[in-house]
PDB file of all heavy atoms in Angstrom:
ATOM      1  N   LYS A   1     102.549 103.783  49.954  1.00  0.00           N
ATOM      2  CA  LYS A   1     102.536 103.816  48.471  1.00  0.00           C
ATOM      3  C   LYS A   1     100.992 103.491  48.032  1.00  0.00           C
ATOM      4  O   LYS A   1     100.550 104.049  47.134  1.00  0.00           O
ATOM      5  CB  LYS A   1     103.484 102.873  47.803  1.00  0.00           C
ATOM      6  CG  LYS A   1     103.501 102.709  46.386  1.00  0.00           C
ATOM      7  CD  LYS A   1     104.596 101.723  45.831  1.00  0.00           C
ATOM      8  CE  LYS A   1     104.592 101.676  44.327  1.00  0.00           C
ATOM      9  NZ  LYS A   1     105.511 100.705  43.881  1.00  0.00           N
ATOM     10  N   LEU A   2     100.492 102.391  48.750  1.00  0.00           N
ATOM     11  CA  LEU A   2      99.125 102.024  48.308  1.00  0.00           C
ATOM     12  C   LEU A   2      98.143 103.145  48.480  1.00  0.00           C
ATOM     13  O   LEU A   2      97.148 103.315  47.714  1.00  0.00           O
ATOM     14  CB  LEU A   2      98.708 100.718  48.911  1.00  0.00           C
ATOM     15  CG  LEU A   2      99.438  99.424  48.487  1.00  0.00           C
ATOM     16  CD1 LEU A   2      99.190  98.294  49.448  1.00  0.00           C
ATOM     17  CD2 LEU A   2      99.145  99.040  47.076  1.00  0.00           C
ATOM     18  N   LEU A   3      98.125 103.709  49.658  1.00  0.00           N
ATOM     19  CA  LEU A   3      97.214 104.867  49.942  1.00  0.00           C
ATOM     20  C   LEU A   3      97.441 105.921  48.940  1.00  0.00           C
ATOM     21  O   LEU A   3      96.448 106.588  48.672  1.00  0.00           O
ATOM     22  CB  LEU A   3      97.543 105.187  51.462  1.00  0.00           C
ATOM     23  CG  LEU A   3      97.310 104.323  52.541  1.00  0.00           C
ATOM     24  CD1 LEU A   3      97.754 104.806  53.812  1.00  0.00           C
ATOM     25  CD2 LEU A   3      95.818 103.980  52.625  1.00  0.00           C
ATOM     26  N   ARG A   4      98.665 106.296  48.532  1.00  0.00           N
ATOM     27  CA  ARG A   4      98.787 107.280  47.511  1.00  0.00           C
ATOM     28  C   ARG A   4      98.146 106.952  46.125  1.00  0.00           C
ATOM     29  O   ARG A   4      97.917 107.753  45.491  1.00  0.00           O
ATOM     30  CB  ARG A   4     100.289 107.607  47.335  1.00  0.00           C
ATOM     31  CG  ARG A   4     100.904 108.327  48.517  1.00  0.00           C
ATOM     32  CD  ARG A   4     102.367 108.502  48.464  1.00  0.00           C
ATOM     33  NE  ARG A   4     102.967 109.298  49.500  1.00  0.00           N
ATOM     34  CZ  ARG A   4     104.162 109.578  49.631  1.00  0.00           C
ATOM     35  NH1 ARG A   4     105.016 108.850  48.837  1.00  0.00           N
ATOM     36  NH2 ARG A   4     104.641 110.252  50.730  1.00  0.00           N
ATOM     37  N   HIS A   5      98.062 105.638  45.904  1.00  0.00           N
ATOM     38  CA  HIS A   5      97.560 105.182  44.644  1.00  0.00           C
ATOM     39  C   HIS A   5      96.050 104.974  44.676  1.00  0.00           C
ATOM     40  O   HIS A   5      95.437 104.450  43.787  1.00  0.00           O
ATOM     41  CB  HIS A   5      98.250 103.820  44.182  1.00  0.00           C
ATOM     42  CG  HIS A   5      99.648 104.114  43.594  1.00  0.00           C
ATOM     43  ND1 HIS A   5     100.723 104.521  44.400  1.00  0.00           N
ATOM     44  CD2 HIS A   5      99.986 103.970  42.222  1.00  0.00           C
ATOM     45  CE1 HIS A   5     101.735 104.447  43.527  1.00  0.00           C
ATOM     46  NE2 HIS A   5     101.312 104.232  42.274  1.00  0.00           N
ATOM     47  N   GLY A   6      95.405 105.469  45.806  1.00  0.00           N
ATOM     48  CA  GLY A   6      93.953 105.374  45.756  1.00  0.00           C
ATOM     49  C   GLY A   6      93.333 104.401  46.632  1.00  0.00           C
ATOM     50  O   GLY A   6      92.108 103.925  46.386  1.00  0.00           O
ATOM     51  N   VAL A   7      94.146 103.606  47.436  1.00  0.00           N
ATOM     52  CA  VAL A   7      93.572 102.632  48.375  1.00  0.00           C
ATOM     53  C   VAL A   7      93.016 103.352  49.564  1.00  0.00           C
ATOM     54  O   VAL A   7      93.679 104.162  50.152  1.00  0.00           O
ATOM     55  CB  VAL A   7      94.587 101.560  48.727  1.00  0.00           C
ATOM     56  CG1 VAL A   7      94.137 100.665  49.824  1.00  0.00           C
ATOM     57  CG2 VAL A   7      95.006 100.789  47.597  1.00  0.00           C
ATOM     58  N   GLN A   8      91.912 102.971  49.958  1.00  0.00           N
ATOM     59  CA  GLN A   8      91.229 103.638  51.217  1.00  0.00           C
ATOM     60  C   GLN A   8      91.528 103.087  52.420  1.00  0.00           C
ATOM     61  O   GLN A   8      91.637 103.753  53.599  1.00  0.00           O
ATOM     62  CB  GLN A   8      89.606 103.684  51.056  1.00  0.00           C
ATOM     63  CG  GLN A   8      89.175 104.784  50.167  1.00  0.00           C
ATOM     64  CD  GLN A   8      89.528 104.609  48.705  1.00  0.00           C
ATOM     65  OE1 GLN A   8      89.543 103.460  48.194  1.00  0.00           O
ATOM     66  NE2 GLN A   8      89.885 105.642  48.020  1.00  0.00           N
ATOM     67  N   ASP A   9      91.897 101.670  52.464  1.00  0.00           N
ATOM     68  CA  ASP A   9      92.343 101.135  53.799  1.00  0.00           C
ATOM     69  C   ASP A   9      93.115  99.945  53.504  1.00  0.00           C
ATOM     70  O   ASP A   9      93.387  99.519  52.423  1.00  0.00           O
ATOM     71  CB  ASP A   9      91.093 100.655  54.481  1.00  0.00           C
ATOM     72  CG  ASP A   9      91.249 100.607  56.037  1.00  0.00           C
ATOM     73  OD1 ASP A   9      92.321 100.780  56.517  1.00  0.00           O
ATOM     74  OD2 ASP A   9      90.142 100.750  56.719  1.00  0.00           O
ATOM     75  N   TYR A  10      93.877  99.399  54.649  1.00  0.00           N
ATOM     76  CA  TYR A  10      94.872  98.467  54.547  1.00  0.00           C
ATOM     77  C   TYR A  10      94.904  97.536  55.828  1.00  0.00           C
ATOM     78  O   TYR A  10      94.667  97.899  56.859  1.00  0.00           O
ATOM     79  CB  TYR A  10      96.126  99.224  54.628  1.00  0.00           C
ATOM     80  CG  TYR A  10      97.369  98.585  54.284  1.00  0.00           C
ATOM     81  CD1 TYR A  10      97.952  98.536  52.995  1.00  0.00           C
ATOM     82  CD2 TYR A  10      98.098  97.877  55.209  1.00  0.00           C
ATOM     83  CE1 TYR A  10      99.099  97.839  52.672  1.00  0.00           C
ATOM     84  CE2 TYR A  10      99.248  97.123  54.826  1.00  0.00           C
ATOM     85  CZ  TYR A  10      99.848  97.273  53.621  1.00  0.00           C
ATOM     86  OH  TYR A  10     100.996  96.576  53.280  1.00  0.00           O
ATOM     87  N   LEU A  11      94.729  96.197  55.509  1.00  0.00           N
ATOM     88  CA  LEU A  11      94.528  95.229  56.590  1.00  0.00           C
ATOM     89  C   LEU A  11      95.764  94.291  56.517  1.00  0.00           C
ATOM     90  O   LEU A  11      96.094  93.669  55.489  1.00  0.00           O
ATOM     91  CB  LEU A  11      93.186  94.574  56.533  1.00  0.00           C
ATOM     92  CG  LEU A  11      91.959  95.236  56.995  1.00  0.00           C
ATOM     93  CD1 LEU A  11      90.774  94.397  56.823  1.00  0.00           C
ATOM     94  CD2 LEU A  11      92.192  95.419  58.581  1.00  0.00           C
ATOM     95  N   HIS A  12      96.208  93.981  57.812  1.00  0.00           N
ATOM     96  CA  HIS A  12      97.273  92.949  57.794  1.00  0.00           C
ATOM     97  C   HIS A  12      96.667  91.566  58.112  1.00  0.00           C
ATOM     98  O   HIS A  12      95.709  91.413  58.870  1.00  0.00           O
ATOM     99  CB  HIS A  12      98.290  93.237  58.961  1.00  0.00           C
ATOM    100  CG  HIS A  12      99.189  94.506  58.704  1.00  0.00           C
ATOM    101  ND1 HIS A  12     100.171  94.375  57.833  1.00  0.00           N
ATOM    102  CD2 HIS A  12      99.093  95.667  59.164  1.00  0.00           C
ATOM    103  CE1 HIS A  12     100.808  95.677  57.744  1.00  0.00           C
ATOM    104  NE2 HIS A  12     100.034  96.494  58.536  1.00  0.00           N
ATOM    105  N   LYS A  13      97.291  90.514  57.527  1.00  0.00           N
ATOM    106  CA  LYS A  13      96.847  89.159  57.810  1.00  0.00           C
ATOM    107  C   LYS A  13      97.760  88.742  58.910  1.00  0.00           C
ATOM    108  O   LYS A  13      98.950  88.920  58.914  1.00  0.00           O
ATOM    109  CB  LYS A  13      97.074  88.205  56.610  1.00  0.00           C
ATOM    110  CG  LYS A  13      96.215  88.636  55.404  1.00  0.00           C
ATOM    111  CD  LYS A  13      96.574  87.743  54.324  1.00  0.00           C
ATOM    112  CE  LYS A  13      95.811  88.090  52.959  1.00  0.00           C
ATOM    113  NZ  LYS A  13      96.149  87.267  51.802  1.00  0.00           N
ATOM    114  N   PRO A  14      97.283  87.815  59.958  1.00  0.00           N
ATOM    115  CA  PRO A  14      95.803  87.358  60.004  1.00  0.00           C
ATOM    116  C   PRO A  14      94.979  88.525  60.692  1.00  0.00           C
ATOM    117  O   PRO A  14      95.552  89.441  61.312  1.00  0.00           O
ATOM    118  CB  PRO A  14      95.972  86.293  60.956  1.00  0.00           C
ATOM    119  CG  PRO A  14      97.094  86.630  61.857  1.00  0.00           C
ATOM    120  CD  PRO A  14      98.158  87.218  60.940  1.00  0.00           C
ATOM    121  N   PHE A  15      93.801  88.522  60.411  1.00  0.00           N
ATOM    122  CA  PHE A  15      92.811  89.471  60.889  1.00  0.00           C
ATOM    123  C   PHE A  15      91.586  88.909  61.361  1.00  0.00           C
ATOM    124  O   PHE A  15      91.266  87.610  61.133  1.00  0.00           O
ATOM    125  CB  PHE A  15      92.342  90.477  59.872  1.00  0.00           C
ATOM    126  CG  PHE A  15      92.087  89.885  58.437  1.00  0.00           C
ATOM    127  CD1 PHE A  15      90.886  89.125  58.383  1.00  0.00           C
ATOM    128  CD2 PHE A  15      92.980  89.785  57.510  1.00  0.00           C
ATOM    129  CE1 PHE A  15      90.421  88.633  57.201  1.00  0.00           C
ATOM    130  CE2 PHE A  15      92.551  89.050  56.276  1.00  0.00           C
ATOM    131  CZ  PHE A  15      91.279  88.507  56.124  1.00  0.00           C
ATOM    132  N   ILE A  16      90.757  89.448  62.114  1.00  0.00           N
ATOM    133  CA  ILE A  16      89.533  88.883  62.645  1.00  0.00           C
ATOM    134  C   ILE A  16      88.263  89.450  61.798  1.00  0.00           C
ATOM    135  O   ILE A  16      88.423  90.500  61.259  1.00  0.00           O
ATOM    136  CB  ILE A  16      89.220  89.300  64.200  1.00  0.00           C
ATOM    137  CG1 ILE A  16      89.209  90.779  64.383  1.00  0.00           C
ATOM    138  CG2 ILE A  16      90.405  88.661  65.064  1.00  0.00           C
ATOM    139  CD1 ILE A  16      88.905  91.091  65.740  1.00  0.00           C
ATOM    140  N   VAL A  17      87.402  88.633  61.759  1.00  0.00           N
ATOM    141  CA  VAL A  17      86.144  88.971  60.866  1.00  0.00           C
ATOM    142  C   VAL A  17      85.522  90.298  61.215  1.00  0.00           C
ATOM    143  O   VAL A  17      85.166  91.103  60.272  1.00  0.00           O
ATOM    144  CB  VAL A  17      85.151  87.861  60.841  1.00  0.00           C
ATOM    145  CG1 VAL A  17      83.811  88.321  59.995  1.00  0.00           C
ATOM    146  CG2 VAL A  17      85.776  86.520  60.213  1.00  0.00           C
ATOM    147  N   GLU A  18      85.286  90.476  62.544  1.00  0.00           N
ATOM    148  CA  GLU A  18      84.792  91.711  63.068  1.00  0.00           C
ATOM    149  C   GLU A  18      85.427  93.011  62.534  1.00  0.00           C
ATOM    150  O   GLU A  18      84.747  94.026  62.229  1.00  0.00           O
ATOM    151  CB  GLU A  18      84.687  91.651  64.582  1.00  0.00           C
ATOM    152  CG  GLU A  18      83.663  90.835  65.187  1.00  0.00           C
ATOM    153  CD  GLU A  18      84.093  89.333  65.081  1.00  0.00           C
ATOM    154  OE1 GLU A  18      85.245  89.073  64.778  1.00  0.00           O
ATOM    155  OE2 GLU A  18      83.379  88.484  65.337  1.00  0.00           O
ATOM    156  N   GLU A  19      86.729  92.944  62.514  1.00  0.00           N
ATOM    157  CA  GLU A  19      87.491  94.084  62.029  1.00  0.00           C
ATOM    158  C   GLU A  19      87.222  94.433  60.423  1.00  0.00           C
ATOM    159  O   GLU A  19      87.059  95.455  60.134  1.00  0.00           O
ATOM    160  CB  GLU A  19      89.079  93.869  62.218  1.00  0.00           C
ATOM    161  CG  GLU A  19      89.782  95.021  61.787  1.00  0.00           C
ATOM    162  CD  GLU A  19      91.329  94.904  62.015  1.00  0.00           C
ATOM    163  OE1 GLU A  19      91.750  93.801  62.364  1.00  0.00           O
ATOM    164  OE2 GLU A  19      91.904  95.953  61.944  1.00  0.00           O
ATOM    165  N   VAL A  20      87.253  93.226  59.829  1.00  0.00           N
ATOM    166  CA  VAL A  20      86.880  93.326  58.250  1.00  0.00           C
ATOM    167  C   VAL A  20      85.567  93.941  58.011  1.00  0.00           C
ATOM    168  O   VAL A  20      85.384  94.983  57.341  1.00  0.00           O
ATOM    169  CB  VAL A  20      87.006  92.058  57.542  1.00  0.00           C
ATOM    170  CG1 VAL A  20      86.685  92.144  56.130  1.00  0.00           C
ATOM    171  CG2 VAL A  20      88.423  91.433  57.655  1.00  0.00           C
ATOM    172  N   LEU A  21      84.598  93.434  58.787  1.00  0.00           N
ATOM    173  CA  LEU A  21      83.216  93.856  58.673  1.00  0.00           C
ATOM    174  C   LEU A  21      83.118  95.407  59.087  1.00  0.00           C
ATOM    175  O   LEU A  21      82.330  96.077  58.400  1.00  0.00           O
ATOM    176  CB  LEU A  21      82.167  93.112  59.445  1.00  0.00           C
ATOM    177  CG  LEU A  21      82.108  91.542  58.831  1.00  0.00           C
ATOM    178  CD1 LEU A  21      81.115  90.939  59.853  1.00  0.00           C
ATOM    179  CD2 LEU A  21      81.519  91.629  57.518  1.00  0.00           C
ATOM    180  N   ALA A  22      83.758  95.778  60.155  1.00  0.00           N
ATOM    181  CA  ALA A  22      83.580  97.122  60.629  1.00  0.00           C
ATOM    182  C   ALA A  22      84.257  98.090  59.644  1.00  0.00           C
ATOM    183  O   ALA A  22      83.661  99.136  59.429  1.00  0.00           O
ATOM    184  CB  ALA A  22      84.395  97.166  62.002  1.00  0.00           C
ATOM    185  N   ARG A  23      85.451  97.685  59.085  1.00  0.00           N
ATOM    186  CA  ARG A  23      86.050  98.689  58.112  1.00  0.00           C
ATOM    187  C   ARG A  23      85.281  98.793  56.789  1.00  0.00           C
ATOM    188  O   ARG A  23      85.203  99.830  56.285  1.00  0.00           O
ATOM    189  CB  ARG A  23      87.394  98.234  57.918  1.00  0.00           C
ATOM    190  CG  ARG A  23      88.300  98.239  59.040  1.00  0.00           C
ATOM    191  CD  ARG A  23      89.848  98.298  58.694  1.00  0.00           C
ATOM    192  NE  ARG A  23      90.654  98.274  59.989  1.00  0.00           N
ATOM    193  CZ  ARG A  23      91.925  98.654  60.016  1.00  0.00           C
ATOM    194  NH1 ARG A  23      92.568  99.063  58.863  1.00  0.00           N
ATOM    195  NH2 ARG A  23      92.608  98.617  61.084  1.00  0.00           N
ATOM    196  N   VAL A  24      84.736  97.588  56.294  1.00  0.00           N
ATOM    197  CA  VAL A  24      83.994  97.644  55.087  1.00  0.00           C
ATOM    198  C   VAL A  24      82.700  98.477  55.367  1.00  0.00           C
ATOM    199  O   VAL A  24      82.257  99.338  54.473  1.00  0.00           O
ATOM    200  CB  VAL A  24      83.536  96.094  54.734  1.00  0.00           C
ATOM    201  CG1 VAL A  24      82.506  96.039  53.712  1.00  0.00           C
ATOM    202  CG2 VAL A  24      84.797  95.463  54.242  1.00  0.00           C
ATOM    203  N   SER A  25      81.994  98.296  56.430  1.00  0.00           N
ATOM    204  CA  SER A  25      80.843  99.031  56.771  1.00  0.00           C
ATOM    205  C   SER A  25      81.124 100.529  56.876  1.00  0.00           C
ATOM    206  O   SER A  25      80.324 101.347  56.293  1.00  0.00           O
ATOM    207  CB  SER A  25      80.117  98.571  58.007  1.00  0.00           C
ATOM    208  OG  SER A  25      79.026  99.335  58.456  1.00  0.00           O
ATOM    209  N   GLY A  26      82.183 100.923  57.401  1.00  0.00           N
ATOM    210  CA  GLY A  26      82.616 102.327  57.508  1.00  0.00           C
ATOM    211  C   GLY A  26      82.775 102.926  56.130  1.00  0.00           C
ATOM    212  O   GLY A  26      82.282 103.992  55.968  1.00  0.00           O
ATOM    213  N   LEU A  27      83.539 102.283  55.320  1.00  0.00           N
ATOM    214  CA  LEU A  27      83.772 102.812  53.982  1.00  0.00           C
ATOM    215  C   LEU A  27      82.560 102.859  53.194  1.00  0.00           C
ATOM    216  O   LEU A  27      82.391 103.859  52.496  1.00  0.00           O
ATOM    217  CB  LEU A  27      84.881 101.947  53.358  1.00  0.00           C
ATOM    218  CG  LEU A  27      86.300 102.082  53.822  1.00  0.00           C
ATOM    219  CD1 LEU A  27      87.197 101.079  53.236  1.00  0.00           C
ATOM    220  CD2 LEU A  27      86.790 103.504  53.527  1.00  0.00           C
ATOM    221  N   LEU A  28      81.735 101.832  53.257  1.00  0.00           N
ATOM    222  CA  LEU A  28      80.426 101.935  52.446  1.00  0.00           C
ATOM    223  C   LEU A  28      79.518 103.083  52.934  1.00  0.00           C
ATOM    224  O   LEU A  28      78.792 103.719  52.103  1.00  0.00           O
ATOM    225  CB  LEU A  28      79.771 100.559  52.601  1.00  0.00           C
ATOM    226  CG  LEU A  28      80.383  99.399  51.822  1.00  0.00           C
ATOM    227  CD1 LEU A  28      79.631  98.059  52.085  1.00  0.00           C
ATOM    228  CD2 LEU A  28      80.434  99.759  50.293  1.00  0.00           C
ATOM    229  N   THR A  29      79.503 103.306  54.230  1.00  0.00           N
ATOM    230  CA  THR A  29      78.615 104.241  54.751  1.00  0.00           C
ATOM    231  C   THR A  29      79.098 105.622  54.262  1.00  0.00           C
ATOM    232  O   THR A  29      78.397 106.547  53.866  1.00  0.00           O
ATOM    233  CB  THR A  29      78.688 104.246  56.332  1.00  0.00           C
ATOM    234  OG1 THR A  29      78.078 102.996  56.776  1.00  0.00           O
ATOM    235  CG2 THR A  29      77.846 105.391  56.973  1.00  0.00           C
ATOM    236  N   GLU A  30      80.422 105.847  54.330  1.00  0.00           N
ATOM    237  CA  GLU A  30      80.974 107.114  53.945  1.00  0.00           C
ATOM    238  C   GLU A  30      80.749 107.274  52.374  1.00  0.00           C
ATOM    239  O   GLU A  30      80.509 108.430  51.914  1.00  0.00           O
ATOM    240  CB  GLU A  30      82.536 107.178  54.137  1.00  0.00           C
ATOM    241  CG  GLU A  30      83.283 108.424  53.750  1.00  0.00           C
ATOM    242  CD  GLU A  30      82.579 109.754  54.445  1.00  0.00           C
ATOM    243  OE1 GLU A  30      82.032 109.537  55.600  1.00  0.00           O
ATOM    244  OE2 GLU A  30      82.601 110.779  53.875  1.00  0.00           O
ATOM    245  N   ARG A  31      80.844 106.201  51.615  1.00  0.00           N
ATOM    246  CA  ARG A  31      80.636 106.259  50.297  1.00  0.00           C
ATOM    247  C   ARG A  31      79.084 106.743  49.948  1.00  0.00           C
ATOM    248  O   ARG A  31      78.917 107.607  49.040  1.00  0.00           O
ATOM    249  CB  ARG A  31      80.869 105.011  49.469  1.00  0.00           C
ATOM    250  CG  ARG A  31      80.733 105.041  48.008  1.00  0.00           C
ATOM    251  CD  ARG A  31      81.268 103.755  47.342  1.00  0.00           C
ATOM    252  NE  ARG A  31      81.316 103.971  45.867  1.00  0.00           N
ATOM    253  CZ  ARG A  31      80.421 103.426  45.074  1.00  0.00           C
ATOM    254  NH1 ARG A  31      79.388 102.860  45.513  1.00  0.00           N
ATOM    255  NH2 ARG A  31      80.451 103.662  43.747  1.00  0.00           N
ATOM    256  N   ARG A  32      78.186 106.156  50.608  1.00  0.00           N
ATOM    257  CA  ARG A  32      76.767 106.502  50.523  1.00  0.00           C
ATOM    258  C   ARG A  32      76.577 107.885  50.955  1.00  0.00           C
ATOM    259  O   ARG A  32      75.793 108.620  50.060  1.00  0.00           O
ATOM    260  CB  ARG A  32      75.961 105.550  51.344  1.00  0.00           C
ATOM    261  CG  ARG A  32      75.760 104.278  50.888  1.00  0.00           C
ATOM    262  CD  ARG A  32      74.592 103.497  51.565  1.00  0.00           C
ATOM    263  NE  ARG A  32      74.988 103.118  52.878  1.00  0.00           N
ATOM    264  CZ  ARG A  32      75.600 101.971  53.320  1.00  0.00           C
ATOM    265  NH1 ARG A  32      75.932 101.105  52.524  1.00  0.00           N
ATOM    266  NH2 ARG A  32      75.905 101.790  54.582  1.00  0.00           N
ATOM    267  N   ARG A  33      77.251 108.432  51.893  1.00  0.00           N
ATOM    268  CA  ARG A  33      77.098 109.864  52.279  1.00  0.00           C
ATOM    269  C   ARG A  33      77.694 110.721  51.041  1.00  0.00           C
ATOM    270  O   ARG A  33      76.994 111.792  50.774  1.00  0.00           O
ATOM    271  CB  ARG A  33      77.926 110.142  53.490  1.00  0.00           C
ATOM    272  CG  ARG A  33      77.254 109.573  54.855  1.00  0.00           C
ATOM    273  CD  ARG A  33      78.063 109.731  55.922  1.00  0.00           C
ATOM    274  NE  ARG A  33      77.515 109.154  57.148  1.00  0.00           N
ATOM    275  CZ  ARG A  33      78.072 108.926  58.287  1.00  0.00           C
ATOM    276  NH1 ARG A  33      79.390 109.301  58.382  1.00  0.00           N
ATOM    277  NH2 ARG A  33      77.519 108.420  59.404  1.00  0.00           N
ATOM    278  N   THR A  34      78.776 110.392  50.561  1.00  0.00           N
ATOM    279  CA  THR A  34      79.449 111.136  49.515  1.00  0.00           C
ATOM    280  C   THR A  34      78.462 111.161  48.327  1.00  0.00           C
ATOM    281  O   THR A  34      78.231 112.191  47.652  1.00  0.00           O
ATOM    282  CB  THR A  34      80.769 110.525  49.208  1.00  0.00           C
ATOM    283  OG1 THR A  34      81.657 110.644  50.303  1.00  0.00           O
ATOM    284  CG2 THR A  34      81.361 111.439  47.995  1.00  0.00           C
ATOM    285  N   VAL A  35      77.964 109.943  47.845  1.00  0.00           N
ATOM    286  CA  VAL A  35      77.044 109.896  46.698  1.00  0.00           C
ATOM    287  C   VAL A  35      75.894 110.740  46.942  1.00  0.00           C
ATOM    288  O   VAL A  35      75.426 111.433  46.037  1.00  0.00           O
ATOM    289  CB  VAL A  35      76.635 108.482  46.461  1.00  0.00           C
ATOM    290  CG1 VAL A  35      75.567 108.329  45.400  1.00  0.00           C
ATOM    291  CG2 VAL A  35      77.875 107.592  45.908  1.00  0.00           C
ATOM    292  N   SER A  36      75.292 110.716  48.175  1.00  0.00           N
ATOM    293  CA  SER A  36      74.104 111.465  48.471  1.00  0.00           C
ATOM    294  C   SER A  36      74.376 113.003  48.390  1.00  0.00           C
ATOM    295  O   SER A  36      73.562 113.738  47.772  1.00  0.00           O
ATOM    296  CB  SER A  36      73.609 111.180  49.799  1.00  0.00           C
ATOM    297  OG  SER A  36      72.524 111.956  50.176  1.00  0.00           O
ATOM    298  N   ARG A  37      75.637 113.444  48.920  1.00  0.00           N
ATOM    299  CA  ARG A  37      75.950 114.846  48.714  1.00  0.00           C
ATOM    300  C   ARG A  37      76.169 115.195  47.328  1.00  0.00           C
ATOM    301  O   ARG A  37      75.620 116.372  46.935  1.00  0.00           O
ATOM    302  CB  ARG A  37      77.227 115.096  49.564  1.00  0.00           C
ATOM    303  CG  ARG A  37      77.054 115.120  50.984  1.00  0.00           C
ATOM    304  CD  ARG A  37      78.166 115.674  51.891  1.00  0.00           C
ATOM    305  NE  ARG A  37      79.347 114.918  51.725  1.00  0.00           N
ATOM    306  CZ  ARG A  37      79.816 113.987  52.578  1.00  0.00           C
ATOM    307  NH1 ARG A  37      79.055 113.775  53.635  1.00  0.00           N
ATOM    308  NH2 ARG A  37      80.902 113.350  52.238  1.00  0.00           N
TER     309      ARG A  37
END
């Protein structure tokens, strides 16, 4: 339901910091590419 409403990713608690940073970095990189295009 959340993905259909415009959420790009979904994390379960508890999580590790490395996973949060990796997913955030990936989404920001893709956004920069989209903005550039």
